[in-house]
């Protein structure tokens, strides 16, 4: 492989804001470490922090809590059209 063509790859903490949980993993976002906030992790080291809205802690597919969102009333239209009550 060619040298100096790959982005930096290091440890970053991702915090799921909706679930209130965090996890340490490796990411190429470590290259933006200067512009990211930091957090002291359980091992005593300081890592860059990336806040996310959805992760495996809060995503319905992983949690099993699926929610059907029907903001446009499409289900009601269908039931009215085809006579379901």
PDB file of N, CA and C in Angstrom:
ATOM      1  N   UNK A   1       0.840  -1.181   0.000  1.00  0.00           N
ATOM      2  CA  UNK A   1       0.000   0.000   0.000  1.00  0.00           C
ATOM      3  C   UNK A   1       0.882   1.240   0.000  1.00  0.00           C
ATOM      4  N   UNK A   2       0.333   2.309  -0.532  1.00  0.00           N
ATOM      5  CA  UNK A   2       1.060   3.565  -0.567  1.00  0.00           C
ATOM      6  C   UNK A   2       1.102   4.194   0.817  1.00  0.00           C
ATOM      7  N   UNK A   3       2.178   4.898   1.099  1.00  0.00           N
ATOM      8  CA  UNK A   3       2.313   5.595   2.364  1.00  0.00           C
ATOM      9  C   UNK A   3       1.616   6.945   2.307  1.00  0.00           C
ATOM     10  N   UNK A   4       1.119   7.379   3.463  1.00  0.00           N
ATOM     11  CA  UNK A   4       0.545   8.716   3.659  1.00  0.00           C
ATOM     12  C   UNK A   4      -0.688   9.021   2.816  1.00  0.00           C
ATOM     13  N   UNK A   5      -1.469   8.002   2.457  1.00  0.00           N
ATOM     14  CA  UNK A   5      -2.714   8.278   1.730  1.00  0.00           C
ATOM     15  C   UNK A   5      -3.944   7.956   2.578  1.00  0.00           C
ATOM     16  N   UNK A   6      -3.732   7.293   3.705  1.00  0.00           N
ATOM     17  CA  UNK A   6      -4.853   6.898   4.552  1.00  0.00           C
ATOM     18  C   UNK A   6      -5.048   7.897   5.683  1.00  0.00           C
ATOM     19  N   UNK A   7      -6.302   8.139   6.081  1.00  0.00           N
ATOM     20  CA  UNK A   7      -6.540   9.081   7.190  1.00  0.00           C
ATOM     21  C   UNK A   7      -6.080   8.483   8.515  1.00  0.00           C
ATOM     22  N   UNK A   8      -5.887   9.364   9.486  1.00  0.00           N
ATOM     23  CA  UNK A   8      -5.537   8.895  10.825  1.00  0.00           C
ATOM     24  C   UNK A   8      -6.672   8.034  11.363  1.00  0.00           C
ATOM     25  N   UNK A   9      -6.317   7.067  12.173  1.00  0.00           N
ATOM     26  CA  UNK A   9      -7.295   6.132  12.726  1.00  0.00           C
ATOM     27  C   UNK A   9      -6.937   5.915  14.184  1.00  0.00           C
ATOM     28  N   UNK A  10      -7.821   6.335  15.081  1.00  0.00           N
ATOM     29  CA  UNK A  10      -7.509   6.208  16.496  1.00  0.00           C
ATOM     30  C   UNK A  10      -8.766   6.125  17.338  1.00  0.00           C
ATOM     31  N   UNK A  11      -8.578   6.150  18.651  1.00  0.00           N
ATOM     32  CA  UNK A  11      -9.689   5.975  19.578  1.00  0.00           C
ATOM     33  C   UNK A  11     -10.491   7.257  19.770  1.00  0.00           C
ATOM     34  N   UNK A  12     -11.816   7.099  19.745  1.00  0.00           N
ATOM     35  CA  UNK A  12     -12.770   8.191  19.914  1.00  0.00           C
ATOM     36  C   UNK A  12     -13.934   7.651  20.751  1.00  0.00           C
ATOM     37  N   UNK A  13     -14.524   8.501  21.588  1.00  0.00           N
ATOM     38  CA  UNK A  13     -15.701   8.114  22.360  1.00  0.00           C
ATOM     39  C   UNK A  13     -16.936   8.664  21.660  1.00  0.00           C
ATOM     40  N   UNK A  14     -17.879   7.797  21.377  1.00  0.00           N
ATOM     41  CA  UNK A  14     -19.163   8.207  20.814  1.00  0.00           C
ATOM     42  C   UNK A  14     -20.181   8.177  21.939  1.00  0.00           C
ATOM     43  N   UNK A  15     -20.923   9.281  22.125  1.00  0.00           N
ATOM     44  CA  UNK A  15     -21.951   9.347  23.163  1.00  0.00           C
ATOM     45  C   UNK A  15     -23.311   9.491  22.495  1.00  0.00           C
ATOM     46  N   UNK A  16     -24.197   8.554  22.800  1.00  0.00           N
ATOM     47  CA  UNK A  16     -25.570   8.583  22.294  1.00  0.00           C
ATOM     48  C   UNK A  16     -26.372   9.509  23.200  1.00  0.00           C
ATOM     49  N   UNK A  17     -26.758  10.649  22.685  1.00  0.00           N
ATOM     50  CA  UNK A  17     -27.445  11.655  23.492  1.00  0.00           C
ATOM     51  C   UNK A  17     -28.845  11.213  23.903  1.00  0.00           C
ATOM     52  N   UNK A  18     -29.528  10.426  23.077  1.00  0.00           N
ATOM     53  CA  UNK A  18     -30.889  10.029  23.412  1.00  0.00           C
ATOM     54  C   UNK A  18     -30.916   8.900  24.442  1.00  0.00           C
ATOM     55  N   UNK A  19     -29.890   8.047  24.476  1.00  0.00           N
ATOM     56  CA  UNK A  19     -29.857   6.948  25.432  1.00  0.00           C
ATOM     57  C   UNK A  19     -28.999   7.267  26.647  1.00  0.00           C
ATOM     58  N   UNK A  20     -28.151   8.279  26.526  1.00  0.00           N
ATOM     59  CA  UNK A  20     -27.285   8.642  27.635  1.00  0.00           C
ATOM     60  C   UNK A  20     -26.137   7.668  27.861  1.00  0.00           C
ATOM     61  N   UNK A  21     -25.759   6.921  26.848  1.00  0.00           N
ATOM     62  CA  UNK A  21     -24.673   5.949  26.967  1.00  0.00           C
ATOM     63  C   UNK A  21     -23.548   6.329  26.025  1.00  0.00           C
ATOM     64  N   UNK A  22     -22.359   5.838  26.340  1.00  0.00           N
ATOM     65  CA  UNK A  22     -21.184   6.139  25.523  1.00  0.00           C
ATOM     66  C   UNK A  22     -20.376   4.870  25.316  1.00  0.00           C
ATOM     67  N   UNK A  23     -19.600   4.852  24.221  1.00  0.00           N
ATOM     68  CA  UNK A  23     -18.731   3.710  23.967  1.00  0.00           C
ATOM     69  C   UNK A  23     -17.466   4.188  23.276  1.00  0.00           C
ATOM     70  N   UNK A  24     -16.395   3.485  23.541  1.00  0.00           N
ATOM     71  CA  UNK A  24     -15.085   3.788  22.991  1.00  0.00           C
ATOM     72  C   UNK A  24     -14.836   2.888  21.801  1.00  0.00           C
ATOM     73  N   UNK A  25     -14.441   3.482  20.693  1.00  0.00           N
ATOM     74  CA  UNK A  25     -14.149   2.716  19.488  1.00  0.00           C
ATOM     75  C   UNK A  25     -13.099   3.467  18.681  1.00  0.00           C
ATOM     76  N   UNK A  26     -12.665   2.876  17.608  1.00  0.00           N
ATOM     77  CA  UNK A  26     -11.689   3.541  16.738  1.00  0.00           C
ATOM     78  C   UNK A  26     -12.416   4.148  15.553  1.00  0.00           C
ATOM     79  N   UNK A  27     -11.921   5.303  15.112  1.00  0.00           N
ATOM     80  CA  UNK A  27     -12.576   6.025  14.033  1.00  0.00           C
ATOM     81  C   UNK A  27     -11.576   6.940  13.345  1.00  0.00           C
ATOM     82  N   UNK A  28     -11.910   7.332  12.117  1.00  0.00           N
ATOM     83  CA  UNK A  28     -11.088   8.319  11.418  1.00  0.00           C
ATOM     84  C   UNK A  28     -11.412   9.739  11.863  1.00  0.00           C
ATOM     85  N   UNK A  29     -12.425   9.908  12.713  1.00  0.00           N
ATOM     86  CA  UNK A  29     -12.743  11.234  13.246  1.00  0.00           C
ATOM     87  C   UNK A  29     -11.656  11.745  14.186  1.00  0.00           C
ATOM     88  N   UNK A  30     -10.726  10.907  14.555  1.00  0.00           N
ATOM     89  CA  UNK A  30      -9.620  11.331  15.405  1.00  0.00           C
ATOM     90  C   UNK A  30      -8.803  12.420  14.709  1.00  0.00           C
ATOM     91  N   UNK A  31      -8.869  12.503  13.388  1.00  0.00           N
ATOM     92  CA  UNK A  31      -8.153  13.543  12.646  1.00  0.00           C
ATOM     93  C   UNK A  31      -8.708  14.924  12.959  1.00  0.00           C
ATOM     94  N   UNK A  32      -9.970  15.004  13.378  1.00  0.00           N
ATOM     95  CA  UNK A  32     -10.599  16.279  13.723  1.00  0.00           C
ATOM     96  C   UNK A  32     -10.551  16.529  15.227  1.00  0.00           C
ATOM     97  N   UNK A  33      -9.639  15.912  15.922  1.00  0.00           N
ATOM     98  CA  UNK A  33      -9.589  15.966  17.381  1.00  0.00           C
ATOM     99  C   UNK A  33      -9.469  17.386  17.922  1.00  0.00           C
ATOM    100  N   UNK A  34      -8.833  18.265  17.192  1.00  0.00           N
ATOM    101  CA  UNK A  34      -8.651  19.635  17.674  1.00  0.00           C
ATOM    102  C   UNK A  34      -9.975  20.384  17.764  1.00  0.00           C
ATOM    103  N   UNK A  35     -10.936  20.030  16.924  1.00  0.00           N
ATOM    104  CA  UNK A  35     -12.216  20.734  16.913  1.00  0.00           C
ATOM    105  C   UNK A  35     -13.294  20.023  17.733  1.00  0.00           C
ATOM    106  N   UNK A  36     -12.978  18.879  18.315  1.00  0.00           N
ATOM    107  CA  UNK A  36     -13.955  18.107  19.088  1.00  0.00           C
ATOM    108  C   UNK A  36     -13.727  18.295  20.586  1.00  0.00           C
ATOM    109  N   UNK A  37     -14.810  18.212  21.378  1.00  0.00           N
ATOM    110  CA  UNK A  37     -14.625  18.238  22.835  1.00  0.00           C
ATOM    111  C   UNK A  37     -13.947  16.943  23.287  1.00  0.00           C
ATOM    112  N   UNK A  38     -13.455  16.933  24.514  1.00  0.00           N
ATOM    113  CA  UNK A  38     -12.799  15.735  25.031  1.00  0.00           C
ATOM    114  C   UNK A  38     -13.552  15.230  26.253  1.00  0.00           C
ATOM    115  N   UNK A  39     -13.278  13.966  26.578  1.00  0.00           N
ATOM    116  CA  UNK A  39     -13.887  13.344  27.751  1.00  0.00           C
ATOM    117  C   UNK A  39     -12.857  12.406  28.367  1.00  0.00           C
ATOM    118  N   UNK A  40     -12.870  12.335  29.694  1.00  0.00           N
ATOM    119  CA  UNK A  40     -12.011  11.372  30.362  1.00  0.00           C
ATOM    120  C   UNK A  40     -12.768  10.062  30.462  1.00  0.00           C
ATOM    121  N   UNK A  41     -12.184   9.006  29.919  1.00  0.00           N
ATOM    122  CA  UNK A  41     -12.845   7.709  29.841  1.00  0.00           C
ATOM    123  C   UNK A  41     -12.544   6.890  31.080  1.00  0.00           C
ATOM    124  N   UNK A  42     -13.176   5.746  31.221  1.00  0.00           N
ATOM    125  CA  UNK A  42     -13.062   4.879  32.378  1.00  0.00           C
ATOM    126  C   UNK A  42     -11.637   4.403  32.633  1.00  0.00           C
ATOM    127  N   UNK A  43     -10.816   4.346  31.598  1.00  0.00           N
ATOM    128  CA  UNK A  43      -9.441   3.877  31.763  1.00  0.00           C
ATOM    129  C   UNK A  43      -8.490   4.991  32.210  1.00  0.00           C
ATOM    130  N   UNK A  44      -9.036   6.201  32.403  1.00  0.00           N
ATOM    131  CA  UNK A  44      -8.222   7.322  32.867  1.00  0.00           C
ATOM    132  C   UNK A  44      -7.629   8.157  31.759  1.00  0.00           C
ATOM    133  N   UNK A  45      -7.754   7.741  30.519  1.00  0.00           N
ATOM    134  CA  UNK A  45      -7.231   8.497  29.382  1.00  0.00           C
ATOM    135  C   UNK A  45      -8.268   9.485  28.872  1.00  0.00           C
ATOM    136  N   UNK A  46      -7.802  10.517  28.194  1.00  0.00           N
ATOM    137  CA  UNK A  46      -8.690  11.515  27.603  1.00  0.00           C
ATOM    138  C   UNK A  46      -8.800  11.257  26.108  1.00  0.00           C
ATOM    139  N   UNK A  47     -10.050  11.228  25.620  1.00  0.00           N
ATOM    140  CA  UNK A  47     -10.312  10.964  24.210  1.00  0.00           C
ATOM    141  C   UNK A  47     -11.222  12.040  23.640  1.00  0.00           C
ATOM    142  N   UNK A  48     -11.219  12.152  22.319  1.00  0.00           N
ATOM    143  CA  UNK A  48     -12.148  13.054  21.644  1.00  0.00           C
ATOM    144  C   UNK A  48     -13.558  12.506  21.788  1.00  0.00           C
ATOM    145  N   UNK A  49     -14.534  13.412  21.894  1.00  0.00           N
ATOM    146  CA  UNK A  49     -15.922  13.024  22.102  1.00  0.00           C
ATOM    147  C   UNK A  49     -16.762  13.424  20.905  1.00  0.00           C
ATOM    148  N   UNK A  50     -17.535  12.476  20.376  1.00  0.00           N
ATOM    149  CA  UNK A  50     -18.455  12.732  19.274  1.00  0.00           C
ATOM    150  C   UNK A  50     -19.861  12.428  19.777  1.00  0.00           C
ATOM    151  N   UNK A  51     -20.741  13.422  19.773  1.00  0.00           N
ATOM    152  CA  UNK A  51     -22.127  13.229  20.184  1.00  0.00           C
ATOM    153  C   UNK A  51     -22.953  12.784  18.983  1.00  0.00           C
ATOM    154  N   UNK A  52     -23.707  11.712  19.158  1.00  0.00           N
ATOM    155  CA  UNK A  52     -24.572  11.203  18.096  1.00  0.00           C
ATOM    156  C   UNK A  52     -25.997  11.135  18.619  1.00  0.00           C
ATOM    157  N   UNK A  53     -26.962  11.224  17.742  1.00  0.00           N
ATOM    158  CA  UNK A  53     -28.369  11.158  18.122  1.00  0.00           C
ATOM    159  C   UNK A  53     -28.881   9.723  18.183  1.00  0.00           C
ATOM    160  N   UNK A  54     -28.332   8.850  17.344  1.00  0.00           N
ATOM    161  CA  UNK A  54     -28.803   7.468  17.283  1.00  0.00           C
ATOM    162  C   UNK A  54     -27.590   6.540  17.218  1.00  0.00           C
ATOM    163  N   UNK A  55     -27.636   5.505  18.017  1.00  0.00           N
ATOM    164  CA  UNK A  55     -26.618   4.458  17.973  1.00  0.00           C
ATOM    165  C   UNK A  55     -27.323   3.127  18.217  1.00  0.00           C
ATOM    166  N   UNK A  56     -26.554   2.075  18.399  1.00  0.00           N
ATOM    167  CA  UNK A  56     -27.172   0.781  18.660  1.00  0.00           C
ATOM    168  C   UNK A  56     -27.875   0.749  20.014  1.00  0.00           C
ATOM    169  N   UNK A  57     -27.557   1.700  20.900  1.00  0.00           N
ATOM    170  CA  UNK A  57     -28.251   1.775  22.188  1.00  0.00           C
ATOM    171  C   UNK A  57     -29.680   2.298  22.046  1.00  0.00           C
ATOM    172  N   UNK A  58     -29.941   3.135  21.048  1.00  0.00           N
ATOM    173  CA  UNK A  58     -31.257   3.759  20.956  1.00  0.00           C
ATOM    174  C   UNK A  58     -32.006   3.478  19.666  1.00  0.00           C
ATOM    175  N   UNK A  59     -31.371   2.881  18.680  1.00  0.00           N
ATOM    176  CA  UNK A  59     -32.047   2.629  17.410  1.00  0.00           C
ATOM    177  C   UNK A  59     -33.094   1.538  17.577  1.00  0.00           C
ATOM    178  N   UNK A  60     -34.314   1.752  17.089  1.00  0.00           N
ATOM    179  CA  UNK A  60     -35.398   0.774  17.260  1.00  0.00           C
ATOM    180  C   UNK A  60     -35.072  -0.625  16.742  1.00  0.00           C
ATOM    181  N   UNK A  61     -34.288  -0.727  15.697  1.00  0.00           N
ATOM    182  CA  UNK A  61     -33.946  -2.048  15.161  1.00  0.00           C
ATOM    183  C   UNK A  61     -33.163  -2.859  16.185  1.00  0.00           C
ATOM    184  N   UNK A  62     -32.248  -2.207  16.894  1.00  0.00           N
ATOM    185  CA  UNK A  62     -31.405  -2.912  17.854  1.00  0.00           C
ATOM    186  C   UNK A  62     -32.081  -3.088  19.209  1.00  0.00           C
ATOM    187  N   UNK A  63     -32.980  -2.185  19.570  1.00  0.00           N
ATOM    188  CA  UNK A  63     -33.620  -2.256  20.879  1.00  0.00           C
ATOM    189  C   UNK A  63     -34.900  -3.076  20.868  1.00  0.00           C
ATOM    190  N   UNK A  64     -35.494  -3.283  19.686  1.00  0.00           N
ATOM    191  CA  UNK A  64     -36.735  -4.038  19.589  1.00  0.00           C
ATOM    192  C   UNK A  64     -37.967  -3.211  19.886  1.00  0.00           C
ATOM    193  N   UNK A  65     -37.805  -1.929  20.073  1.00  0.00           N
ATOM    194  CA  UNK A  65     -38.938  -1.043  20.344  1.00  0.00           C
ATOM    195  C   UNK A  65     -39.275  -0.257  19.079  1.00  0.00           C
ATOM    196  N   UNK A  66     -39.867  -0.912  18.134  1.00  0.00           N
ATOM    197  CA  UNK A  66     -40.240  -0.264  16.890  1.00  0.00           C
ATOM    198  C   UNK A  66     -41.442   0.636  17.101  1.00  0.00           C
ATOM    199  N   UNK A  67     -41.439   1.761  16.472  1.00  0.00           N
ATOM    200  CA  UNK A  67     -42.557   2.694  16.562  1.00  0.00           C
ATOM    201  C   UNK A  67     -43.005   3.032  15.147  1.00  0.00           C
ATOM    202  N   UNK A  68     -44.289   2.958  14.914  1.00  0.00           N
ATOM    203  CA  UNK A  68     -44.829   3.315  13.610  1.00  0.00           C
ATOM    204  C   UNK A  68     -45.218   4.783  13.669  1.00  0.00           C
ATOM    205  N   UNK A  69     -44.582   5.572  12.836  1.00  0.00           N
ATOM    206  CA  UNK A  69     -44.880   6.998  12.783  1.00  0.00           C
ATOM    207  C   UNK A  69     -45.773   7.260  11.584  1.00  0.00           C
ATOM    208  N   UNK A  70     -46.917   7.844  11.816  1.00  0.00           N
ATOM    209  CA  UNK A  70     -47.855   8.142  10.748  1.00  0.00           C
ATOM    210  C   UNK A  70     -48.301   9.587  10.899  1.00  0.00           C
ATOM    211  N   UNK A  71     -47.452  10.491  10.464  1.00  0.00           N
ATOM    212  CA  UNK A  71     -47.765  11.905  10.636  1.00  0.00           C
ATOM    213  C   UNK A  71     -48.729  12.416   9.577  1.00  0.00           C
ATOM    214  N   UNK A  72     -48.804  11.751   8.445  1.00  0.00           N
ATOM    215  CA  UNK A  72     -49.648  12.242   7.355  1.00  0.00           C
ATOM    216  C   UNK A  72     -51.034  11.612   7.351  1.00  0.00           C
ATOM    217  N   UNK A  73     -51.303  10.667   8.263  1.00  0.00           N
ATOM    218  CA  UNK A  73     -52.608  10.033   8.302  1.00  0.00           C
ATOM    219  C   UNK A  73     -52.825   9.024   7.196  1.00  0.00           C
ATOM    220  N   UNK A  74     -51.758   8.458   6.672  1.00  0.00           N
ATOM    221  CA  UNK A  74     -51.867   7.522   5.562  1.00  0.00           C
ATOM    222  C   UNK A  74     -52.607   6.251   5.964  1.00  0.00           C
ATOM    223  N   UNK A  75     -52.409   5.789   7.180  1.00  0.00           N
ATOM    224  CA  UNK A  75     -53.094   4.578   7.631  1.00  0.00           C
ATOM    225  C   UNK A  75     -54.596   4.827   7.701  1.00  0.00           C
ATOM    226  N   UNK A  76     -54.990   5.986   8.217  1.00  0.00           N
ATOM    227  CA  UNK A  76     -56.411   6.310   8.310  1.00  0.00           C
ATOM    228  C   UNK A  76     -57.033   6.428   6.918  1.00  0.00           C
ATOM    229  N   UNK A  77     -56.304   7.022   5.978  1.00  0.00           N
ATOM    230  CA  UNK A  77     -56.804   7.124   4.604  1.00  0.00           C
ATOM    231  C   UNK A  77     -57.026   5.739   4.005  1.00  0.00           C
ATOM    232  N   UNK A  78     -56.065   4.858   4.218  1.00  0.00           N
ATOM    233  CA  UNK A  78     -56.175   3.507   3.686  1.00  0.00           C
ATOM    234  C   UNK A  78     -57.377   2.794   4.280  1.00  0.00           C
ATOM    235  N   UNK A  79     -57.520   2.868   5.607  1.00  0.00           N
ATOM    236  CA  UNK A  79     -58.655   2.204   6.261  1.00  0.00           C
ATOM    237  C   UNK A  79     -59.983   2.776   5.815  1.00  0.00           C
ATOM    238  N   UNK A  80     -60.044   4.076   5.621  1.00  0.00           N
ATOM    239  CA  UNK A  80     -61.297   4.704   5.158  1.00  0.00           C
ATOM    240  C   UNK A  80     -61.628   4.275   3.737  1.00  0.00           C
ATOM    241  N   UNK A  81     -60.633   4.228   2.897  1.00  0.00           N
ATOM    242  CA  UNK A  81     -60.830   3.885   1.484  1.00  0.00           C
ATOM    243  C   UNK A  81     -61.261   2.436   1.333  1.00  0.00           C
ATOM    244  N   UNK A  82     -60.696   1.545   2.089  1.00  0.00           N
ATOM    245  CA  UNK A  82     -60.954   0.122   1.908  1.00  0.00           C
ATOM    246  C   UNK A  82     -61.835  -0.476   2.978  1.00  0.00           C
ATOM    247  N   UNK A  83     -62.508   0.372   3.762  1.00  0.00           N
ATOM    248  CA  UNK A  83     -63.548  -0.054   4.667  1.00  0.00           C
ATOM    249  C   UNK A  83     -63.112  -0.770   5.923  1.00  0.00           C
ATOM    250  N   UNK A  84     -61.897  -0.558   6.331  1.00  0.00           N
ATOM    251  CA  UNK A  84     -61.463  -1.167   7.598  1.00  0.00           C
ATOM    252  C   UNK A  84     -61.787  -0.218   8.737  1.00  0.00           C
ATOM    253  N   UNK A  85     -62.084  -0.777   9.877  1.00  0.00           N
ATOM    254  CA  UNK A  85     -62.406   0.088  11.015  1.00  0.00           C
ATOM    255  C   UNK A  85     -61.371  -0.024  12.094  1.00  0.00           C
TER     256      UNK A  85
END
